[in-house]
Amino acid sequence: LNCGRCGLVSCLACGKPWHSGPCDTRGDMDEASRQYLRDAGVRRCERCGAGVVKASGCDKMKCRCGYQFCYQCGAKDAKCGCTPSHHVFYDNVKERPDGPDFAAFMRRFGGRFG
């Protein structure tokens, strides 16, 4: 994540200066770093601690580890009412809709995905 003000590049997972390799995602991030990441639109995965950024679409998010949650409130599996029930999760690795609601979505709205 690049800071537009100072140019510092930070790790999305731990909030510390960018580094290669694994990091301690549950580490001792200070409150200023947590607030900066929240303000930048980064949400942390409750399962693995990785940073997740919404680029577009609805608020049903899926982390690379498979954990699904609501971008707005953080509810597991987005079972919170923040997004319409017909919205589905999107697998950014496979580049197609995914999740338990996908079959119902296809029955209701039709279409095919690769």
PDB file of N, CA and C in Angstrom:
ATOM      1  N   LEU A   1       0.857  -1.169   0.000  1.00  0.00           N
ATOM      2  CA  LEU A   1       0.000   0.000   0.000  1.00  0.00           C
ATOM      3  C   LEU A   1       0.898   1.225   0.000  1.00  0.00           C
ATOM      4  N   ASN A   2       0.718   2.123  -0.949  1.00  0.00           N
ATOM      5  CA  ASN A   2       1.515   3.343  -1.049  1.00  0.00           C
ATOM      6  C   ASN A   2       0.789   4.513  -0.397  1.00  0.00           C
ATOM      7  N   CYS A   3       1.463   5.201   0.509  1.00  0.00           N
ATOM      8  CA  CYS A   3       0.898   6.395   1.128  1.00  0.00           C
ATOM      9  C   CYS A   3       1.008   7.545   0.130  1.00  0.00           C
ATOM     10  N   GLY A   4      -0.107   8.190  -0.153  1.00  0.00           N
ATOM     11  CA  GLY A   4      -0.108   9.305  -1.085  1.00  0.00           C
ATOM     12  C   GLY A   4       0.547  10.557  -0.530  1.00  0.00           C
ATOM     13  N   ARG A   5       0.708  10.619   0.771  1.00  0.00           N
ATOM     14  CA  ARG A   5       1.287  11.805   1.395  1.00  0.00           C
ATOM     15  C   ARG A   5       2.808  11.709   1.548  1.00  0.00           C
ATOM     16  N   CYS A   6       3.290  10.579   2.069  1.00  0.00           N
ATOM     17  CA  CYS A   6       4.726  10.484   2.334  1.00  0.00           C
ATOM     18  C   CYS A   6       5.455   9.520   1.405  1.00  0.00           C
ATOM     19  N   GLY A   7       4.702   8.717   0.639  1.00  0.00           N
ATOM     20  CA  GLY A   7       5.316   7.787  -0.293  1.00  0.00           C
ATOM     21  C   GLY A   7       5.769   6.466   0.314  1.00  0.00           C
ATOM     22  N   LEU A   8       5.564   6.276   1.627  1.00  0.00           N
ATOM     23  CA  LEU A   8       5.964   5.041   2.293  1.00  0.00           C
ATOM     24  C   LEU A   8       5.154   3.871   1.737  1.00  0.00           C
ATOM     25  N   VAL A   9       5.815   2.754   1.496  1.00  0.00           N
ATOM     26  CA  VAL A   9       5.154   1.555   1.022  1.00  0.00           C
ATOM     27  C   VAL A   9       5.044   0.591   2.192  1.00  0.00           C
ATOM     28  N   SER A  10       3.797   0.158   2.503  1.00  0.00           N
ATOM     29  CA  SER A  10       3.538  -0.698   3.652  1.00  0.00           C
ATOM     30  C   SER A  10       2.990  -2.048   3.223  1.00  0.00           C
ATOM     31  N   CYS A  11       3.205  -3.041   4.060  1.00  0.00           N
ATOM     32  CA  CYS A  11       2.651  -4.379   3.871  1.00  0.00           C
ATOM     33  C   CYS A  11       1.170  -4.348   4.228  1.00  0.00           C
ATOM     34  N   LEU A  12       0.303  -4.888   3.364  1.00  0.00           N
ATOM     35  CA  LEU A  12      -1.126  -4.911   3.648  1.00  0.00           C
ATOM     36  C   LEU A  12      -1.478  -5.857   4.782  1.00  0.00           C
ATOM     37  N   ALA A  13      -0.672  -6.852   5.014  1.00  0.00           N
ATOM     38  CA  ALA A  13      -0.984  -7.841   6.047  1.00  0.00           C
ATOM     39  C   ALA A  13      -0.661  -7.353   7.441  1.00  0.00           C
ATOM     40  N   CYS A  14       0.516  -6.718   7.618  1.00  0.00           N
ATOM     41  CA  CYS A  14       0.934  -6.366   8.977  1.00  0.00           C
ATOM     42  C   CYS A  14       1.041  -4.864   9.213  1.00  0.00           C
ATOM     43  N   GLY A  15       0.970  -4.048   8.153  1.00  0.00           N
ATOM     44  CA  GLY A  15       1.023  -2.604   8.308  1.00  0.00           C
ATOM     45  C   GLY A  15       2.414  -2.047   8.498  1.00  0.00           C
ATOM     46  N   LYS A  16       3.406  -2.905   8.550  1.00  0.00           N
ATOM     47  CA  LYS A  16       4.796  -2.459   8.714  1.00  0.00           C
ATOM     48  C   LYS A  16       5.371  -2.136   7.344  1.00  0.00           C
ATOM     49  N   PRO A  17       6.555  -1.485   7.290  1.00  0.00           N
ATOM     50  CA  PRO A  17       7.155  -1.209   5.977  1.00  0.00           C
ATOM     51  C   PRO A  17       7.226  -2.481   5.136  1.00  0.00           C
ATOM     52  N   TRP A  18       7.055  -2.331   3.810  1.00  0.00           N
ATOM     53  CA  TRP A  18       6.996  -3.473   2.914  1.00  0.00           C
ATOM     54  C   TRP A  18       8.213  -4.360   3.086  1.00  0.00           C
ATOM     55  N   HIS A  19       7.973  -5.677   3.028  1.00  0.00           N
ATOM     56  CA  HIS A  19       9.027  -6.673   3.159  1.00  0.00           C
ATOM     57  C   HIS A  19       8.646  -7.878   2.328  1.00  0.00           C
ATOM     58  N   SER A  20       9.610  -8.705   1.958  1.00  0.00           N
ATOM     59  CA  SER A  20       9.292  -9.941   1.252  1.00  0.00           C
ATOM     60  C   SER A  20       9.174 -11.060   2.285  1.00  0.00           C
ATOM     61  N   GLY A  21       8.512 -12.136   1.902  1.00  0.00           N
ATOM     62  CA  GLY A  21       8.361 -13.260   2.806  1.00  0.00           C
ATOM     63  C   GLY A  21       7.203 -13.074   3.769  1.00  0.00           C
ATOM     64  N   PRO A  22       6.988 -14.082   4.607  1.00  0.00           N
ATOM     65  CA  PRO A  22       5.857 -14.035   5.542  1.00  0.00           C
ATOM     66  C   PRO A  22       6.049 -12.971   6.625  1.00  0.00           C
ATOM     67  N   CYS A  23       4.944 -12.576   7.195  1.00  0.00           N
ATOM     68  CA  CYS A  23       5.005 -11.598   8.279  1.00  0.00           C
ATOM     69  C   CYS A  23       4.101 -12.059   9.420  1.00  0.00           C
ATOM     70  N   ASP A  24       4.262 -11.422  10.530  1.00  0.00           N
ATOM     71  CA  ASP A  24       3.423 -11.721  11.686  1.00  0.00           C
ATOM     72  C   ASP A  24       2.159 -10.886  11.554  1.00  0.00           C
ATOM     73  N   THR A  25       1.102 -11.484  10.972  1.00  0.00           N
ATOM     74  CA  THR A  25      -0.124 -10.734  10.703  1.00  0.00           C
ATOM     75  C   THR A  25      -0.902 -10.396  11.958  1.00  0.00           C
ATOM     76  N   ARG A  26      -0.605 -11.015  13.062  1.00  0.00           N
ATOM     77  CA  ARG A  26      -1.283 -10.707  14.322  1.00  0.00           C
ATOM     78  C   ARG A  26      -0.368  -9.916  15.247  1.00  0.00           C
ATOM     79  N   GLY A  27       0.676  -9.339  14.666  1.00  0.00           N
ATOM     80  CA  GLY A  27       1.720  -8.659  15.437  1.00  0.00           C
ATOM     81  C   GLY A  27       1.257  -7.389  16.122  1.00  0.00           C
ATOM     82  N   ASP A  28       2.212  -6.635  16.539  1.00  0.00           N
ATOM     83  CA  ASP A  28       1.995  -5.458  17.372  1.00  0.00           C
ATOM     84  C   ASP A  28       1.836  -4.179  16.546  1.00  0.00           C
ATOM     85  N   MET A  29       0.878  -4.144  15.634  1.00  0.00           N
ATOM     86  CA  MET A  29       0.633  -2.959  14.833  1.00  0.00           C
ATOM     87  C   MET A  29       0.114  -1.848  15.745  1.00  0.00           C
ATOM     88  N   ASP A  30       0.680  -0.666  15.615  1.00  0.00           N
ATOM     89  CA  ASP A  30       0.223   0.428  16.470  1.00  0.00           C
ATOM     90  C   ASP A  30      -1.102   0.988  15.967  1.00  0.00           C
ATOM     91  N   GLU A  31      -1.773   1.737  16.799  1.00  0.00           N
ATOM     92  CA  GLU A  31      -3.098   2.258  16.469  1.00  0.00           C
ATOM     93  C   GLU A  31      -3.062   3.180  15.257  1.00  0.00           C
ATOM     94  N   ALA A  32      -2.018   3.981  15.109  1.00  0.00           N
ATOM     95  CA  ALA A  32      -1.910   4.874  13.955  1.00  0.00           C
ATOM     96  C   ALA A  32      -1.863   4.072  12.651  1.00  0.00           C
ATOM     97  N   SER A  33      -1.140   2.953  12.649  1.00  0.00           N
ATOM     98  CA  SER A  33      -1.074   2.101  11.452  1.00  0.00           C
ATOM     99  C   SER A  33      -2.422   1.459  11.173  1.00  0.00           C
ATOM    100  N   ARG A  34      -3.092   0.977  12.215  1.00  0.00           N
ATOM    101  CA  ARG A  34      -4.423   0.390  12.030  1.00  0.00           C
ATOM    102  C   ARG A  34      -5.394   1.411  11.453  1.00  0.00           C
ATOM    103  N   GLN A  35      -5.354   2.635  11.977  1.00  0.00           N
ATOM    104  CA  GLN A  35      -6.250   3.682  11.490  1.00  0.00           C
ATOM    105  C   GLN A  35      -5.936   4.047  10.046  1.00  0.00           C
ATOM    106  N   TYR A  36      -4.653   4.122   9.702  1.00  0.00           N
ATOM    107  CA  TYR A  36      -4.254   4.433   8.327  1.00  0.00           C
ATOM    108  C   TYR A  36      -4.793   3.379   7.368  1.00  0.00           C
ATOM    109  N   LEU A  37      -4.655   2.099   7.714  1.00  0.00           N
ATOM    110  CA  LEU A  37      -5.141   1.028   6.846  1.00  0.00           C
ATOM    111  C   LEU A  37      -6.663   1.061   6.726  1.00  0.00           C
ATOM    112  N   ARG A  38      -7.366   1.335   7.841  1.00  0.00           N
ATOM    113  CA  ARG A  38      -8.828   1.460   7.777  1.00  0.00           C
ATOM    114  C   ARG A  38      -9.215   2.609   6.847  1.00  0.00           C
ATOM    115  N   ASP A  39      -8.554   3.758   6.999  1.00  0.00           N
ATOM    116  CA  ASP A  39      -8.864   4.919   6.163  1.00  0.00           C
ATOM    117  C   ASP A  39      -8.567   4.659   4.690  1.00  0.00           C
ATOM    118  N   ALA A  40      -7.565   3.800   4.416  1.00  0.00           N
ATOM    119  CA  ALA A  40      -7.196   3.458   3.042  1.00  0.00           C
ATOM    120  C   ALA A  40      -8.116   2.395   2.443  1.00  0.00           C
ATOM    121  N   GLY A  41      -9.080   1.910   3.219  1.00  0.00           N
ATOM    122  CA  GLY A  41     -10.037   0.926   2.715  1.00  0.00           C
ATOM    123  C   GLY A  41      -9.580  -0.507   2.840  1.00  0.00           C
ATOM    124  N   VAL A  42      -8.554  -0.757   3.637  1.00  0.00           N
ATOM    125  CA  VAL A  42      -8.050  -2.117   3.827  1.00  0.00           C
ATOM    126  C   VAL A  42      -8.819  -2.773   4.967  1.00  0.00           C
ATOM    127  N   ARG A  43      -9.336  -3.974   4.705  1.00  0.00           N
ATOM    128  CA  ARG A  43      -9.985  -4.764   5.737  1.00  0.00           C
ATOM    129  C   ARG A  43      -9.089  -5.964   6.005  1.00  0.00           C
ATOM    130  N   ARG A  44      -9.019  -6.411   7.239  1.00  0.00           N
ATOM    131  CA  ARG A  44      -8.176  -7.558   7.591  1.00  0.00           C
ATOM    132  C   ARG A  44      -9.017  -8.809   7.697  1.00  0.00           C
ATOM    133  N   CYS A  45      -8.513  -9.876   7.101  1.00  0.00           N
ATOM    134  CA  CYS A  45      -9.171 -11.179   7.148  1.00  0.00           C
ATOM    135  C   CYS A  45      -9.119 -11.700   8.580  1.00  0.00           C
ATOM    136  N   GLU A  46     -10.258 -12.131   9.100  1.00  0.00           N
ATOM    137  CA  GLU A  46     -10.311 -12.663  10.466  1.00  0.00           C
ATOM    138  C   GLU A  46      -9.625 -14.016  10.590  1.00  0.00           C
ATOM    139  N   ARG A  47      -9.509 -14.739   9.474  1.00  0.00           N
ATOM    140  CA  ARG A  47      -8.878 -16.059   9.532  1.00  0.00           C
ATOM    141  C   ARG A  47      -7.353 -15.958   9.475  1.00  0.00           C
ATOM    142  N   CYS A  48      -6.810 -15.253   8.475  1.00  0.00           N
ATOM    143  CA  CYS A  48      -5.353 -15.257   8.286  1.00  0.00           C
ATOM    144  C   CYS A  48      -4.700 -13.910   8.567  1.00  0.00           C
ATOM    145  N   GLY A  49      -5.502 -12.847   8.722  1.00  0.00           N
ATOM    146  CA  GLY A  49      -4.949 -11.537   9.031  1.00  0.00           C
ATOM    147  C   GLY A  49      -4.485 -10.741   7.832  1.00  0.00           C
ATOM    148  N   ALA A  50      -4.594 -11.309   6.630  1.00  0.00           N
ATOM    149  CA  ALA A  50      -4.149 -10.602   5.423  1.00  0.00           C
ATOM    150  C   ALA A  50      -5.018  -9.383   5.158  1.00  0.00           C
ATOM    151  N   GLY A  51      -4.439  -8.395   4.505  1.00  0.00           N
ATOM    152  CA  GLY A  51      -5.190  -7.214   4.103  1.00  0.00           C
ATOM    153  C   GLY A  51      -5.990  -7.505   2.849  1.00  0.00           C
ATOM    154  N   VAL A  52      -7.238  -7.041   2.805  1.00  0.00           N
ATOM    155  CA  VAL A  52      -8.110  -7.230   1.657  1.00  0.00           C
ATOM    156  C   VAL A  52      -8.618  -5.848   1.243  1.00  0.00           C
ATOM    157  N   VAL A  53      -8.491  -5.540  -0.040  1.00  0.00           N
ATOM    158  CA  VAL A  53      -8.918  -4.246  -0.556  1.00  0.00           C
ATOM    159  C   VAL A  53     -10.028  -4.463  -1.573  1.00  0.00           C
ATOM    160  N   LYS A  54     -11.079  -3.677  -1.483  1.00  0.00           N
ATOM    161  CA  LYS A  54     -12.188  -3.763  -2.432  1.00  0.00           C
ATOM    162  C   LYS A  54     -11.870  -2.878  -3.625  1.00  0.00           C
ATOM    163  N   ALA A  55     -11.853  -3.472  -4.815  1.00  0.00           N
ATOM    164  CA  ALA A  55     -11.584  -2.714  -6.038  1.00  0.00           C
ATOM    165  C   ALA A  55     -12.886  -2.271  -6.697  1.00  0.00           C
ATOM    166  N   SER A  56     -13.909  -3.121  -6.657  1.00  0.00           N
ATOM    167  CA  SER A  56     -15.194  -2.792  -7.265  1.00  0.00           C
ATOM    168  C   SER A  56     -16.218  -3.825  -6.806  1.00  0.00           C
ATOM    169  N   GLY A  57     -17.449  -3.635  -7.218  1.00  0.00           N
ATOM    170  CA  GLY A  57     -18.495  -4.605  -6.934  1.00  0.00           C
ATOM    171  C   GLY A  57     -19.129  -4.444  -5.569  1.00  0.00           C
ATOM    172  N   CYS A  58     -19.837  -5.487  -5.159  1.00  0.00           N
ATOM    173  CA  CYS A  58     -20.565  -5.431  -3.897  1.00  0.00           C
ATOM    174  C   CYS A  58     -19.636  -5.713  -2.719  1.00  0.00           C
ATOM    175  N   ASP A  59     -20.192  -5.754  -1.551  1.00  0.00           N
ATOM    176  CA  ASP A  59     -19.403  -5.868  -0.318  1.00  0.00           C
ATOM    177  C   ASP A  59     -19.165  -7.293   0.155  1.00  0.00           C
ATOM    178  N   LYS A  60     -19.522  -8.301  -0.643  1.00  0.00           N
ATOM    179  CA  LYS A  60     -19.225  -9.688  -0.281  1.00  0.00           C
ATOM    180  C   LYS A  60     -17.794  -9.973  -0.720  1.00  0.00           C
ATOM    181  N   MET A  61     -16.897 -10.150   0.259  1.00  0.00           N
ATOM    182  CA  MET A  61     -15.469 -10.308  -0.014  1.00  0.00           C
ATOM    183  C   MET A  61     -15.021 -11.742   0.251  1.00  0.00           C
ATOM    184  N   LYS A  62     -13.979 -12.158  -0.488  1.00  0.00           N
ATOM    185  CA  LYS A  62     -13.381 -13.471  -0.266  1.00  0.00           C
ATOM    186  C   LYS A  62     -11.872 -13.299  -0.247  1.00  0.00           C
ATOM    187  N   CYS A  63     -11.265 -13.647   0.872  1.00  0.00           N
ATOM    188  CA  CYS A  63      -9.808 -13.582   1.022  1.00  0.00           C
ATOM    189  C   CYS A  63      -9.166 -14.718   0.226  1.00  0.00           C
ATOM    190  N   ARG A  64      -7.885 -14.582  -0.073  1.00  0.00           N
ATOM    191  CA  ARG A  64      -7.154 -15.635  -0.779  1.00  0.00           C
ATOM    192  C   ARG A  64      -7.129 -16.942   0.029  1.00  0.00           C
ATOM    193  N   CYS A  65      -7.280 -16.860   1.346  1.00  0.00           N
ATOM    194  CA  CYS A  65      -7.289 -18.077   2.171  1.00  0.00           C
ATOM    195  C   CYS A  65      -8.649 -18.772   2.131  1.00  0.00           C
ATOM    196  N   GLY A  66      -9.657 -18.141   1.509  1.00  0.00           N
ATOM    197  CA  GLY A  66     -10.985 -18.730   1.387  1.00  0.00           C
ATOM    198  C   GLY A  66     -12.025 -18.165   2.332  1.00  0.00           C
ATOM    199  N   TYR A  67     -11.593 -17.411   3.331  1.00  0.00           N
ATOM    200  CA  TYR A  67     -12.535 -16.829   4.293  1.00  0.00           C
ATOM    201  C   TYR A  67     -13.413 -15.796   3.592  1.00  0.00           C
ATOM    202  N   GLN A  68     -14.716 -15.844   3.837  1.00  0.00           N
ATOM    203  CA  GLN A  68     -15.664 -14.927   3.219  1.00  0.00           C
ATOM    204  C   GLN A  68     -16.263 -14.023   4.283  1.00  0.00           C
ATOM    205  N   PHE A  69     -16.412 -12.736   3.943  1.00  0.00           N
ATOM    206  CA  PHE A  69     -16.920 -11.788   4.928  1.00  0.00           C
ATOM    207  C   PHE A  69     -17.521 -10.562   4.254  1.00  0.00           C
ATOM    208  N   CYS A  70     -18.222  -9.764   5.027  1.00  0.00           N
ATOM    209  CA  CYS A  70     -18.800  -8.513   4.557  1.00  0.00           C
ATOM    210  C   CYS A  70     -17.769  -7.397   4.679  1.00  0.00           C
ATOM    211  N   TYR A  71     -17.557  -6.659   3.613  1.00  0.00           N
ATOM    212  CA  TYR A  71     -16.596  -5.558   3.612  1.00  0.00           C
ATOM    213  C   TYR A  71     -17.026  -4.436   4.563  1.00  0.00           C
ATOM    214  N   GLN A  72     -18.334  -4.198   4.662  1.00  0.00           N
ATOM    215  CA  GLN A  72     -18.830  -3.102   5.507  1.00  0.00           C
ATOM    216  C   GLN A  72     -18.703  -3.390   6.995  1.00  0.00           C
ATOM    217  N   CYS A  73     -19.218  -4.565   7.418  1.00  0.00           N
ATOM    218  CA  CYS A  73     -19.294  -4.825   8.860  1.00  0.00           C
ATOM    219  C   CYS A  73     -18.396  -5.965   9.340  1.00  0.00           C
ATOM    220  N   GLY A  74     -17.824  -6.748   8.413  1.00  0.00           N
ATOM    221  CA  GLY A  74     -16.924  -7.833   8.786  1.00  0.00           C
ATOM    222  C   GLY A  74     -17.602  -9.144   9.129  1.00  0.00           C
ATOM    223  N   ALA A  75     -18.928  -9.233   8.997  1.00  0.00           N
ATOM    224  CA  ALA A  75     -19.647 -10.456   9.364  1.00  0.00           C
ATOM    225  C   ALA A  75     -19.189 -11.652   8.531  1.00  0.00           C
ATOM    226  N   LYS A  76     -18.937 -12.781   9.195  1.00  0.00           N
ATOM    227  CA  LYS A  76     -18.518 -14.007   8.517  1.00  0.00           C
ATOM    228  C   LYS A  76     -19.581 -14.429   7.506  1.00  0.00           C
ATOM    229  N   ASP A  77     -19.139 -14.839   6.330  1.00  0.00           N
ATOM    230  CA  ASP A  77     -19.998 -15.271   5.230  1.00  0.00           C
ATOM    231  C   ASP A  77     -20.993 -14.192   4.785  1.00  0.00           C
ATOM    232  N   ALA A  78     -20.770 -12.949   5.207  1.00  0.00           N
ATOM    233  CA  ALA A  78     -21.616 -11.807   4.843  1.00  0.00           C
ATOM    234  C   ALA A  78     -23.092 -12.091   5.118  1.00  0.00           C
ATOM    235  N   LYS A  79     -23.365 -12.732   6.224  1.00  0.00           N
ATOM    236  CA  LYS A  79     -24.746 -13.052   6.609  1.00  0.00           C
ATOM    237  C   LYS A  79     -25.274 -11.948   7.517  1.00  0.00           C
ATOM    238  N   CYS A  80     -25.275 -10.726   6.990  1.00  0.00           N
ATOM    239  CA  CYS A  80     -25.575  -9.563   7.813  1.00  0.00           C
ATOM    240  C   CYS A  80     -26.653  -8.659   7.239  1.00  0.00           C
ATOM    241  N   GLY A  81     -26.966  -8.775   5.968  1.00  0.00           N
ATOM    242  CA  GLY A  81     -27.958  -7.905   5.368  1.00  0.00           C
ATOM    243  C   GLY A  81     -27.389  -6.631   4.770  1.00  0.00           C
ATOM    244  N   CYS A  82     -26.071  -6.453   4.786  1.00  0.00           N
ATOM    245  CA  CYS A  82     -25.465  -5.256   4.187  1.00  0.00           C
ATOM    246  C   CYS A  82     -25.543  -5.279   2.666  1.00  0.00           C
ATOM    247  N   THR A  83     -25.601  -6.481   2.072  1.00  0.00           N
ATOM    248  CA  THR A  83     -25.722  -6.605   0.618  1.00  0.00           C
ATOM    249  C   THR A  83     -26.956  -7.436   0.305  1.00  0.00           C
ATOM    250  N   PRO A  84     -27.543  -7.233  -0.874  1.00  0.00           N
ATOM    251  CA  PRO A  84     -28.722  -8.028  -1.234  1.00  0.00           C
ATOM    252  C   PRO A  84     -28.401  -9.522  -1.238  1.00  0.00           C
ATOM    253  N   SER A  85     -29.380 -10.331  -0.905  1.00  0.00           N
ATOM    254  CA  SER A  85     -29.161 -11.779  -0.791  1.00  0.00           C
ATOM    255  C   SER A  85     -28.802 -12.424  -2.120  1.00  0.00           C
ATOM    256  N   HIS A  86     -29.184 -11.809  -3.252  1.00  0.00           N
ATOM    257  CA  HIS A  86     -28.869 -12.422  -4.542  1.00  0.00           C
ATOM    258  C   HIS A  86     -27.429 -12.155  -4.982  1.00  0.00           C
ATOM    259  N   HIS A  87     -26.693 -11.308  -4.285  1.00  0.00           N
ATOM    260  CA  HIS A  87     -25.281 -11.085  -4.609  1.00  0.00           C
ATOM    261  C   HIS A  87     -24.478 -12.310  -4.203  1.00  0.00           C
ATOM    262  N   VAL A  88     -23.424 -12.602  -4.956  1.00  0.00           N
ATOM    263  CA  VAL A  88     -22.585 -13.768  -4.674  1.00  0.00           C
ATOM    264  C   VAL A  88     -21.149 -13.333  -4.441  1.00  0.00           C
ATOM    265  N   PHE A  89     -20.361 -14.231  -3.864  1.00  0.00           N
ATOM    266  CA  PHE A  89     -18.932 -13.982  -3.698  1.00  0.00           C
ATOM    267  C   PHE A  89     -18.254 -14.193  -5.038  1.00  0.00           C
ATOM    268  N   TYR A  90     -17.115 -13.551  -5.241  1.00  0.00           N
ATOM    269  CA  TYR A  90     -16.356 -13.682  -6.479  1.00  0.00           C
ATOM    270  C   TYR A  90     -14.967 -14.192  -6.145  1.00  0.00           C
ATOM    271  N   ASP A  91     -14.569 -15.261  -6.821  1.00  0.00           N
ATOM    272  CA  ASP A  91     -13.246 -15.844  -6.617  1.00  0.00           C
ATOM    273  C   ASP A  91     -12.268 -15.132  -7.540  1.00  0.00           C
ATOM    274  N   ASN A  92     -11.405 -14.283  -6.983  1.00  0.00           N
ATOM    275  CA  ASN A  92     -10.465 -13.514  -7.790  1.00  0.00           C
ATOM    276  C   ASN A  92      -9.313 -14.355  -8.319  1.00  0.00           C
ATOM    277  N   VAL A  93      -9.095 -15.525  -7.752  1.00  0.00           N
ATOM    278  CA  VAL A  93      -8.049 -16.417  -8.256  1.00  0.00           C
ATOM    279  C   VAL A  93      -8.561 -17.154  -9.491  1.00  0.00           C
ATOM    280  N   LYS A  94      -9.768 -17.727  -9.387  1.00  0.00           N
ATOM    281  CA  LYS A  94     -10.352 -18.462 -10.517  1.00  0.00           C
ATOM    282  C   LYS A  94     -11.073 -17.542 -11.493  1.00  0.00           C
ATOM    283  N   GLU A  95     -11.261 -16.296 -11.114  1.00  0.00           N
ATOM    284  CA  GLU A  95     -11.934 -15.272 -11.922  1.00  0.00           C
ATOM    285  C   GLU A  95     -13.341 -15.698 -12.326  1.00  0.00           C
ATOM    286  N   ARG A  96     -14.112 -16.100 -11.314  1.00  0.00           N
ATOM    287  CA  ARG A  96     -15.511 -16.447 -11.539  1.00  0.00           C
ATOM    288  C   ARG A  96     -16.266 -16.353 -10.221  1.00  0.00           C
ATOM    289  N   PRO A  97     -17.606 -16.220 -10.298  1.00  0.00           N
ATOM    290  CA  PRO A  97     -18.397 -16.220  -9.063  1.00  0.00           C
ATOM    291  C   PRO A  97     -18.183 -17.512  -8.302  1.00  0.00           C
ATOM    292  N   ASP A  98     -18.361 -17.451  -6.983  1.00  0.00           N
ATOM    293  CA  ASP A  98     -18.056 -18.595  -6.130  1.00  0.00           C
ATOM    294  C   ASP A  98     -18.927 -18.541  -4.880  1.00  0.00           C
ATOM    295  N   GLY A  99     -18.937 -19.630  -4.157  1.00  0.00           N
ATOM    296  CA  GLY A  99     -19.607 -19.655  -2.867  1.00  0.00           C
ATOM    297  C   GLY A  99     -20.904 -20.420  -2.884  1.00  0.00           C
ATOM    298  N   PRO A 100     -21.482 -20.609  -1.691  1.00  0.00           N
ATOM    299  CA  PRO A 100     -22.682 -21.435  -1.561  1.00  0.00           C
ATOM    300  C   PRO A 100     -23.901 -20.847  -2.254  1.00  0.00           C
ATOM    301  N   ASP A 101     -23.933 -19.538  -2.495  1.00  0.00           N
ATOM    302  CA  ASP A 101     -25.098 -18.908  -3.112  1.00  0.00           C
ATOM    303  C   ASP A 101     -25.011 -18.863  -4.634  1.00  0.00           C
ATOM    304  N   PHE A 102     -23.890 -19.353  -5.209  1.00  0.00           N
ATOM    305  CA  PHE A 102     -23.698 -19.249  -6.651  1.00  0.00           C
ATOM    306  C   PHE A 102     -24.750 -20.026  -7.438  1.00  0.00           C
ATOM    307  N   ALA A 103     -25.072 -21.258  -7.035  1.00  0.00           N
ATOM    308  CA  ALA A 103     -26.059 -22.066  -7.754  1.00  0.00           C
ATOM    309  C   ALA A 103     -27.424 -21.376  -7.745  1.00  0.00           C
ATOM    310  N   ALA A 104     -27.820 -20.834  -6.604  1.00  0.00           N
ATOM    311  CA  ALA A 104     -29.096 -20.118  -6.518  1.00  0.00           C
ATOM    312  C   ALA A 104     -29.075 -18.874  -7.408  1.00  0.00           C
ATOM    313  N   PHE A 105     -27.949 -18.197  -7.445  1.00  0.00           N
ATOM    314  CA  PHE A 105     -27.790 -17.021  -8.305  1.00  0.00           C
ATOM    315  C   PHE A 105     -27.989 -17.409  -9.769  1.00  0.00           C
ATOM    316  N   MET A 106     -27.364 -18.515 -10.191  1.00  0.00           N
ATOM    317  CA  MET A 106     -27.462 -18.951 -11.578  1.00  0.00           C
ATOM    318  C   MET A 106     -28.895 -19.354 -11.928  1.00  0.00           C
ATOM    319  N   ARG A 107     -29.586 -20.019 -11.005  1.00  0.00           N
ATOM    320  CA  ARG A 107     -30.984 -20.388 -11.262  1.00  0.00           C
ATOM    321  C   ARG A 107     -31.844 -19.132 -11.423  1.00  0.00           C
ATOM    322  N   ARG A 108     -31.562 -18.124 -10.616  1.00  0.00           N
ATOM    323  CA  ARG A 108     -32.392 -16.925 -10.648  1.00  0.00           C
ATOM    324  C   ARG A 108     -32.070 -16.017 -11.811  1.00  0.00           C
ATOM    325  N   PHE A 109     -30.794 -15.838 -12.133  1.00  0.00           N
ATOM    326  CA  PHE A 109     -30.405 -14.854 -13.151  1.00  0.00           C
ATOM    327  C   PHE A 109     -29.816 -15.451 -14.418  1.00  0.00           C
ATOM    328  N   GLY A 110     -29.555 -16.763 -14.454  1.00  0.00           N
ATOM    329  CA  GLY A 110     -29.044 -17.416 -15.653  1.00  0.00           C
ATOM    330  C   GLY A 110     -27.630 -17.002 -15.997  1.00  0.00           C
ATOM    331  N   GLY A 111     -27.160 -17.462 -17.146  1.00  0.00           N
ATOM    332  CA  GLY A 111     -25.822 -17.126 -17.604  1.00  0.00           C
ATOM    333  C   GLY A 111     -24.829 -18.223 -17.289  1.00  0.00           C
ATOM    334  N   ARG A 112     -23.643 -18.115 -17.872  1.00  0.00           N
ATOM    335  CA  ARG A 112     -22.589 -19.111 -17.668  1.00  0.00           C
ATOM    336  C   ARG A 112     -21.283 -18.410 -17.370  1.00  0.00           C
ATOM    337  N   PHE A 113     -20.487 -19.040 -16.546  1.00  0.00           N
ATOM    338  CA  PHE A 113     -19.148 -18.535 -16.244  1.00  0.00           C
ATOM    339  C   PHE A 113     -18.171 -19.670 -16.481  1.00  0.00           C
ATOM    340  N   GLY A 114     -17.008 -19.341 -17.123  1.00  0.00           N
ATOM    341  CA  GLY A 114     -15.981 -20.276 -17.524  1.00  0.00           C
ATOM    342  C   GLY A 114     -15.488 -21.149 -16.500  1.00  0.00           C
TER     343      GLY A 114
END
